[in-house]
PDB file of N, CA and C in Angstrom:
ATOM      1  N   MET A   1     126.751 104.268 106.747  1.00  0.00           N
ATOM      2  CA  MET A   1     126.107 105.446 106.755  1.00  0.00           C
ATOM      3  C   MET A   1     124.869 105.131 107.559  1.00  0.00           C
ATOM      4  N   ILE A   2     124.290 104.071 107.683  1.00  0.00           N
ATOM      5  CA  ILE A   2     122.971 103.512 108.383  1.00  0.00           C
ATOM      6  C   ILE A   2     123.535 103.009 109.952  1.00  0.00           C
ATOM      7  N   SER A   3     122.980 103.859 110.598  1.00  0.00           N
ATOM      8  CA  SER A   3     123.504 103.188 112.323  1.00  0.00           C
ATOM      9  C   SER A   3     122.355 102.502 112.555  1.00  0.00           C
ATOM     10  N   ASN A   4     122.642 101.612 113.710  1.00  0.00           N
ATOM     11  CA  ASN A   4     122.236 100.652 114.236  1.00  0.00           C
ATOM     12  C   ASN A   4     120.743 101.096 114.781  1.00  0.00           C
ATOM     13  N   ASN A   5     120.623 101.937 115.352  1.00  0.00           N
ATOM     14  CA  ASN A   5     119.531 102.761 115.630  1.00  0.00           C
ATOM     15  C   ASN A   5     118.423 103.221 114.501  1.00  0.00           C
ATOM     16  N   HIS A   6     118.983 103.255 113.384  1.00  0.00           N
ATOM     17  CA  HIS A   6     117.984 103.604 112.217  1.00  0.00           C
ATOM     18  C   HIS A   6     117.598 102.324 111.405  1.00  0.00           C
ATOM     19  N   SER A   7     118.331 101.446 111.645  1.00  0.00           N
ATOM     20  CA  SER A   7     118.053 100.109 110.565  1.00  0.00           C
ATOM     21  C   SER A   7     116.566  99.631 110.716  1.00  0.00           C
ATOM     22  N   GLY A   8     115.941  99.476 112.069  1.00  0.00           N
ATOM     23  CA  GLY A   8     114.712  98.987 112.017  1.00  0.00           C
ATOM     24  C   GLY A   8     113.823 100.100 111.443  1.00  0.00           C
ATOM     25  N   LEU A   9     113.989 101.429 111.798  1.00  0.00           N
ATOM     26  CA  LEU A   9     113.108 102.151 110.959  1.00  0.00           C
ATOM     27  C   LEU A   9     113.469 102.401 109.659  1.00  0.00           C
ATOM     28  N   ILE A  10     114.514 101.996 109.036  1.00  0.00           N
ATOM     29  CA  ILE A  10     114.559 102.291 107.594  1.00  0.00           C
ATOM     30  C   ILE A  10     113.847 101.104 106.991  1.00  0.00           C
ATOM     31  N   GLN A  11     113.941  99.813 107.536  1.00  0.00           N
ATOM     32  CA  GLN A  11     113.299  98.686 107.121  1.00  0.00           C
ATOM     33  C   GLN A  11     111.786  99.194 107.094  1.00  0.00           C
ATOM     34  N   PHE A  12     111.134  99.581 108.160  1.00  0.00           N
ATOM     35  CA  PHE A  12     109.725 100.019 108.033  1.00  0.00           C
ATOM     36  C   PHE A  12     109.484 100.903 107.292  1.00  0.00           C
ATOM     37  N   LEU A  13     110.301 101.977 106.797  1.00  0.00           N
ATOM     38  CA  LEU A  13     110.112 103.080 105.948  1.00  0.00           C
ATOM     39  C   LEU A  13     110.070 102.334 104.452  1.00  0.00           C
ATOM     40  N   GLN A  14     110.931 101.365 104.456  1.00  0.00           N
ATOM     41  CA  GLN A  14     110.784 100.575 103.033  1.00  0.00           C
ATOM     42  C   GLN A  14     109.901  99.558 102.826  1.00  0.00           C
ATOM     43  N   GLU A  15     109.770  98.856 103.727  1.00  0.00           N
ATOM     44  CA  GLU A  15     108.701  97.535 103.624  1.00  0.00           C
ATOM     45  C   GLU A  15     107.191  98.228 103.720  1.00  0.00           C
ATOM     46  N   GLU A  16     106.859  98.978 104.778  1.00  0.00           N
ATOM     47  CA  GLU A  16     105.491  99.229 105.076  1.00  0.00           C
ATOM     48  C   GLU A  16     105.059 100.398 104.349  1.00  0.00           C
ATOM     49  N   LEU A  17     105.937 101.322 104.185  1.00  0.00           N
ATOM     50  CA  LEU A  17     105.537 102.766 103.726  1.00  0.00           C
ATOM     51  C   LEU A  17     105.980 102.960 102.125  1.00  0.00           C
ATOM     52  N   SER A  18     106.836 101.981 101.560  1.00  0.00           N
ATOM     53  CA  SER A  18     107.476 101.746 100.301  1.00  0.00           C
ATOM     54  C   SER A  18     108.110 103.414  99.813  1.00  0.00           C
ATOM     55  N   ILE A  19     108.981 103.689 101.048  1.00  0.00           N
ATOM     56  CA  ILE A  19     109.808 104.961 100.625  1.00  0.00           C
ATOM     57  C   ILE A  19     111.288 104.368 100.034  1.00  0.00           C
ATOM     58  N   SER A  20     111.267 105.048  99.101  1.00  0.00           N
ATOM     59  CA  SER A  20     112.582 104.778  98.042  1.00  0.00           C
ATOM     60  C   SER A  20     113.944 104.829  99.187  1.00  0.00           C
ATOM     61  N   SER A  21     114.786 104.119  98.703  1.00  0.00           N
ATOM     62  CA  SER A  21     116.298 104.206  99.516  1.00  0.00           C
ATOM     63  C   SER A  21     116.854 105.435  99.122  1.00  0.00           C
ATOM     64  N   SER A  22     116.560 106.146  97.897  1.00  0.00           N
ATOM     65  CA  SER A  22     117.155 107.288  97.690  1.00  0.00           C
ATOM     66  C   SER A  22     116.730 108.397  98.625  1.00  0.00           C
ATOM     67  N   SER A  23     115.431 108.588  98.828  1.00  0.00           N
ATOM     68  CA  SER A  23     114.890 109.459  99.599  1.00  0.00           C
ATOM     69  C   SER A  23     115.393 109.318 101.110  1.00  0.00           C
ATOM     70  N   ILE A  24     115.430 107.895 101.692  1.00  0.00           N
ATOM     71  CA  ILE A  24     116.022 107.668 102.778  1.00  0.00           C
ATOM     72  C   ILE A  24     117.400 108.391 102.803  1.00  0.00           C
ATOM     73  N   GLN A  25     118.235 107.915 101.754  1.00  0.00           N
ATOM     74  CA  GLN A  25     119.599 108.504 101.719  1.00  0.00           C
ATOM     75  C   GLN A  25     119.768 110.073 101.708  1.00  0.00           C
ATOM     76  N   VAL A  26     118.964 110.744 100.965  1.00  0.00           N
ATOM     77  CA  VAL A  26     118.502 112.218 101.179  1.00  0.00           C
ATOM     78  C   VAL A  26     118.544 112.750 102.480  1.00  0.00           C
ATOM     79  N   ALA A  27     117.497 112.178 103.135  1.00  0.00           N
ATOM     80  CA  ALA A  27     117.225 112.656 104.434  1.00  0.00           C
ATOM     81  C   ALA A  27     118.510 112.269 105.501  1.00  0.00           C
ATOM     82  N   LEU A  28     118.896 110.954 105.305  1.00  0.00           N
ATOM     83  CA  LEU A  28     120.301 110.902 106.260  1.00  0.00           C
ATOM     84  C   LEU A  28     121.319 111.791 106.170  1.00  0.00           C
ATOM     85  N   ARG A  29     121.421 112.140 104.945  1.00  0.00           N
ATOM     86  CA  ARG A  29     122.624 113.335 104.498  1.00  0.00           C
ATOM     87  C   ARG A  29     122.079 114.669 105.236  1.00  0.00           C
ATOM     88  N   HIS A  30     120.973 114.992 105.244  1.00  0.00           N
ATOM     89  CA  HIS A  30     120.446 116.410 106.049  1.00  0.00           C
ATOM     90  C   HIS A  30     120.766 116.011 107.304  1.00  0.00           C
ATOM     91  N   CYS A  31     120.423 114.984 107.780  1.00  0.00           N
ATOM     92  CA  CYS A  31     120.440 114.634 109.392  1.00  0.00           C
ATOM     93  C   CYS A  31     121.787 114.825 109.839  1.00  0.00           C
ATOM     94  N   GLU A  32     122.871 114.424 109.018  1.00  0.00           N
ATOM     95  CA  GLU A  32     124.592 114.434 109.294  1.00  0.00           C
ATOM     96  C   GLU A  32     124.876 115.937 109.337  1.00  0.00           C
ATOM     97  N   GLN A  33     124.275 116.684 108.605  1.00  0.00           N
ATOM     98  CA  GLN A  33     124.376 118.380 108.440  1.00  0.00           C
ATOM     99  C   GLN A  33     123.756 119.162 109.545  1.00  0.00           C
ATOM    100  N   ASP A  34     122.574 118.815 109.600  1.00  0.00           N
ATOM    101  CA  ASP A  34     121.658 119.482 110.617  1.00  0.00           C
ATOM    102  C   ASP A  34     120.951 118.243 111.415  1.00  0.00           C
ATOM    103  N   PRO A  35     121.635 118.088 112.566  1.00  0.00           N
ATOM    104  CA  PRO A  35     120.708 116.759 113.334  1.00  0.00           C
ATOM    105  C   PRO A  35     119.452 117.215 113.774  1.00  0.00           C
ATOM    106  N   GLY A  36     118.428 116.071 113.587  1.00  0.00           N
ATOM    107  CA  GLY A  36     117.167 116.038 113.897  1.00  0.00           C
ATOM    108  C   GLY A  36     116.762 114.562 113.698  1.00  0.00           C
ATOM    109  N   PRO A  37     115.543 114.225 114.172  1.00  0.00           N
ATOM    110  CA  PRO A  37     114.821 112.999 113.962  1.00  0.00           C
ATOM    111  C   PRO A  37     114.630 112.625 112.483  1.00  0.00           C
ATOM    112  N   LEU A  38     115.139 111.688 112.075  1.00  0.00           N
ATOM    113  CA  LEU A  38     114.931 111.100 110.602  1.00  0.00           C
ATOM    114  C   LEU A  38     113.529 111.249 110.023  1.00  0.00           C
ATOM    115  N   PRO A  39     112.494 110.884 110.945  1.00  0.00           N
ATOM    116  CA  PRO A  39     110.920 110.802 110.374  1.00  0.00           C
ATOM    117  C   PRO A  39     110.820 112.479 109.820  1.00  0.00           C
ATOM    118  N   MET A  40     111.104 113.524 111.042  1.00  0.00           N
ATOM    119  CA  MET A  40     110.704 114.851 110.692  1.00  0.00           C
ATOM    120  C   MET A  40     111.538 115.452 109.458  1.00  0.00           C
ATOM    121  N   VAL A  41     112.688 114.944 109.468  1.00  0.00           N
ATOM    122  CA  VAL A  41     113.625 115.453 108.118  1.00  0.00           C
ATOM    123  C   VAL A  41     112.898 114.802 106.956  1.00  0.00           C
ATOM    124  N   LEU A  42     112.482 113.678 107.136  1.00  0.00           N
ATOM    125  CA  LEU A  42     111.702 113.017 105.682  1.00  0.00           C
ATOM    126  C   LEU A  42     110.651 113.908 105.489  1.00  0.00           C
ATOM    127  N   TRP A  43     109.659 114.173 106.586  1.00  0.00           N
ATOM    128  CA  TRP A  43     108.553 114.925 106.222  1.00  0.00           C
ATOM    129  C   TRP A  43     108.908 116.581 105.868  1.00  0.00           C
ATOM    130  N   GLN A  44     109.958 117.162 106.275  1.00  0.00           N
ATOM    131  CA  GLN A  44     110.167 118.455 106.280  1.00  0.00           C
ATOM    132  C   GLN A  44     110.388 118.761 104.748  1.00  0.00           C
ATOM    133  N   TYR A  45     111.158 117.744 104.081  1.00  0.00           N
ATOM    134  CA  TYR A  45     111.798 117.756 102.876  1.00  0.00           C
ATOM    135  C   TYR A  45     110.688 117.077 101.988  1.00  0.00           C
ATOM    136  N   GLY A  46     109.503 116.776 102.258  1.00  0.00           N
ATOM    137  CA  GLY A  46     108.631 116.502 101.214  1.00  0.00           C
ATOM    138  C   GLY A  46     108.730 115.030 100.858  1.00  0.00           C
ATOM    139  N   LEU A  47     109.316 114.166 101.593  1.00  0.00           N
ATOM    140  CA  LEU A  47     109.743 112.792 101.236  1.00  0.00           C
ATOM    141  C   LEU A  47     108.725 111.914 101.510  1.00  0.00           C
ATOM    142  N   ILE A  48     108.120 112.178 102.676  1.00  0.00           N
ATOM    143  CA  ILE A  48     106.816 111.374 103.439  1.00  0.00           C
ATOM    144  C   ILE A  48     105.505 112.486 103.476  1.00  0.00           C
ATOM    145  N   THR A  49     104.597 111.861 103.395  1.00  0.00           N
ATOM    146  CA  THR A  49     103.250 112.735 103.927  1.00  0.00           C
ATOM    147  C   THR A  49     103.123 112.671 105.541  1.00  0.00           C
ATOM    148  N   LEU A  50     102.167 113.643 105.688  1.00  0.00           N
ATOM    149  CA  LEU A  50     101.866 113.896 107.094  1.00  0.00           C
ATOM    150  C   LEU A  50     101.119 112.611 107.750  1.00  0.00           C
ATOM    151  N   GLU A  51     100.452 111.837 106.800  1.00  0.00           N
ATOM    152  CA  GLU A  51      99.728 110.688 107.300  1.00  0.00           C
ATOM    153  C   GLU A  51     101.042 109.548 107.586  1.00  0.00           C
ATOM    154  N   GLN A  52     101.953 109.513 106.605  1.00  0.00           N
ATOM    155  CA  GLN A  52     103.031 108.672 106.655  1.00  0.00           C
ATOM    156  C   GLN A  52     103.847 108.927 107.919  1.00  0.00           C
ATOM    157  N   LEU A  53     104.120 110.082 108.333  1.00  0.00           N
ATOM    158  CA  LEU A  53     104.680 110.492 109.440  1.00  0.00           C
ATOM    159  C   LEU A  53     104.073 110.215 110.725  1.00  0.00           C
ATOM    160  N   GLU A  54     102.713 110.141 110.503  1.00  0.00           N
ATOM    161  CA  GLU A  54     102.106 109.444 112.033  1.00  0.00           C
ATOM    162  C   GLU A  54     102.123 108.201 112.144  1.00  0.00           C
ATOM    163  N   LYS A  55     102.120 107.390 111.042  1.00  0.00           N
ATOM    164  CA  LYS A  55     102.486 106.098 110.965  1.00  0.00           C
ATOM    165  C   LYS A  55     103.691 105.634 111.379  1.00  0.00           C
ATOM    166  N   VAL A  56     104.639 106.409 111.147  1.00  0.00           N
ATOM    167  CA  VAL A  56     106.206 106.323 111.678  1.00  0.00           C
ATOM    168  C   VAL A  56     106.117 106.428 113.249  1.00  0.00           C
ATOM    169  N   TYR A  57     105.645 107.226 113.389  1.00  0.00           N
ATOM    170  CA  TYR A  57     105.631 107.548 114.984  1.00  0.00           C
ATOM    171  C   TYR A  57     104.730 106.662 115.763  1.00  0.00           C
ATOM    172  N   ASP A  58     103.615 106.267 115.135  1.00  0.00           N
ATOM    173  CA  ASP A  58     102.856 105.038 115.928  1.00  0.00           C
ATOM    174  C   ASP A  58     103.825 103.719 115.934  1.00  0.00           C
ATOM    175  N   TRP A  59     104.304 103.628 115.002  1.00  0.00           N
ATOM    176  CA  TRP A  59     105.355 102.388 114.826  1.00  0.00           C
ATOM    177  C   TRP A  59     106.549 102.535 115.918  1.00  0.00           C
ATOM    178  N   MET A  60     107.098 103.779 115.946  1.00  0.00           N
ATOM    179  CA  MET A  60     108.157 103.886 116.933  1.00  0.00           C
ATOM    180  C   MET A  60     107.431 103.735 118.364  1.00  0.00           C
ATOM    181  N   GLU A  61     106.338 103.992 118.534  1.00  0.00           N
ATOM    182  CA  GLU A  61     106.004 103.782 120.056  1.00  0.00           C
ATOM    183  C   GLU A  61     105.999 102.478 120.286  1.00  0.00           C
ATOM    184  N   THR A  62     105.565 101.456 119.443  1.00  0.00           N
ATOM    185  CA  THR A  62     105.377 100.214 119.674  1.00  0.00           C
ATOM    186  C   THR A  62     106.736  99.171 119.372  1.00  0.00           C
ATOM    187  N   ALA A  63     107.630  99.890 118.770  1.00  0.00           N
ATOM    188  CA  ALA A  63     108.946  99.157 118.578  1.00  0.00           C
ATOM    189  C   ALA A  63     109.707  99.288 119.553  1.00  0.00           C
TER     190      ALA A  63
END
């Protein structure tokens, strides 16, 4: 279910932001039904805060 392009991001979400794997799985299921960027889906469903979303995009720029 986790694609290679998401593996680094998921590792960052879990290790740096302490996002639960269940929250990530919920977001991944929503991405399958309605494709969109994983960080935005997490934020839209209230699984991460706006501050965490900014950290994710900062990380993505440097990764």
